[in-house]
Amino acid sequence: MVLRYAHPTQAHQAKAMEQLEQFNAAQQIAAFEKYRPAMTH
């Protein structure tokens, strides 16, 4: 069985970019929370 490369559809590309942006945002938040001093009120 031979699989050929198929270009992703616009909808698939948009969904992949959204997931990547969410992942990157989560990583930035986690890094910020890890390295910032605890804030007290």
C-alpha atoms as a PDB file:
ATOM      1  CA  MET A   1       0.000   0.000   0.000  1.00  0.00           C
ATOM      2  CA  VAL A   2       1.411   3.358  -1.028  1.00  0.00           C
ATOM      3  CA  LEU A   3       0.455   6.495   0.855  1.00  0.00           C
ATOM      4  CA  ARG A   4       0.851   9.776  -0.961  1.00  0.00           C
ATOM      5  CA  TYR A   5       1.370  13.142   0.651  1.00  0.00           C
ATOM      6  CA  ALA A   6      -1.793  15.197   0.652  1.00  0.00           C
ATOM      7  CA  HIS A   7      -1.707  18.896   1.452  1.00  0.00           C
ATOM      8  CA  PRO A   8      -3.703  19.697   4.576  1.00  0.00           C
ATOM      9  CA  THR A   9      -6.944  21.549   4.045  1.00  0.00           C
ATOM     10  CA  GLN A  10      -7.346  25.130   5.218  1.00  0.00           C
ATOM     11  CA  ALA A  11      -9.571  23.982   8.090  1.00  0.00           C
ATOM     12  CA  HIS A  12      -6.995  21.423   9.195  1.00  0.00           C
ATOM     13  CA  GLN A  13      -4.204  23.989   9.056  1.00  0.00           C
ATOM     14  CA  ALA A  14      -6.264  26.458  11.093  1.00  0.00           C
ATOM     15  CA  LYS A  15      -7.041  23.834  13.726  1.00  0.00           C
ATOM     16  CA  ALA A  16      -3.383  22.802  13.943  1.00  0.00           C
ATOM     17  CA  MET A  17      -2.283  26.426  14.374  1.00  0.00           C
ATOM     18  CA  GLU A  18      -4.903  26.960  17.086  1.00  0.00           C
ATOM     19  CA  GLN A  19      -3.678  23.890  18.973  1.00  0.00           C
ATOM     20  CA  LEU A  20      -0.068  25.031  18.616  1.00  0.00           C
ATOM     21  CA  GLU A  21      -0.902  28.507  19.903  1.00  0.00           C
ATOM     22  CA  GLN A  22      -2.748  27.036  22.902  1.00  0.00           C
ATOM     23  CA  PHE A  23       0.204  24.754  23.660  1.00  0.00           C
ATOM     24  CA  ASN A  24       2.693  27.618  23.396  1.00  0.00           C
ATOM     25  CA  ALA A  25       0.565  29.820  25.648  1.00  0.00           C
ATOM     26  CA  ALA A  26       0.344  27.048  28.240  1.00  0.00           C
ATOM     27  CA  GLN A  27       4.129  26.596  28.132  1.00  0.00           C
ATOM     28  CA  GLN A  28       4.703  30.323  28.622  1.00  0.00           C
ATOM     29  CA  ILE A  29       2.287  30.445  31.554  1.00  0.00           C
ATOM     30  CA  ALA A  30       3.911  27.415  33.167  1.00  0.00           C
ATOM     31  CA  ALA A  31       7.391  28.902  32.761  1.00  0.00           C
ATOM     32  CA  PHE A  32       6.268  32.244  34.162  1.00  0.00           C
ATOM     33  CA  GLU A  33       4.638  30.627  37.180  1.00  0.00           C
ATOM     34  CA  LYS A  34       7.664  28.443  37.804  1.00  0.00           C
ATOM     35  CA  TYR A  35      10.231  31.242  37.802  1.00  0.00           C
ATOM     36  CA  ARG A  36       8.394  34.237  39.226  1.00  0.00           C
ATOM     37  CA  PRO A  37       8.456  34.865  42.953  1.00  0.00           C
ATOM     38  CA  ALA A  38       5.180  34.137  44.722  1.00  0.00           C
ATOM     39  CA  MET A  39       3.016  37.227  44.817  1.00  0.00           C
ATOM     40  CA  THR A  40       1.293  38.061  48.069  1.00  0.00           C
ATOM     41  CA  HIS A  41      -1.554  40.509  48.607  1.00  0.00           C
END
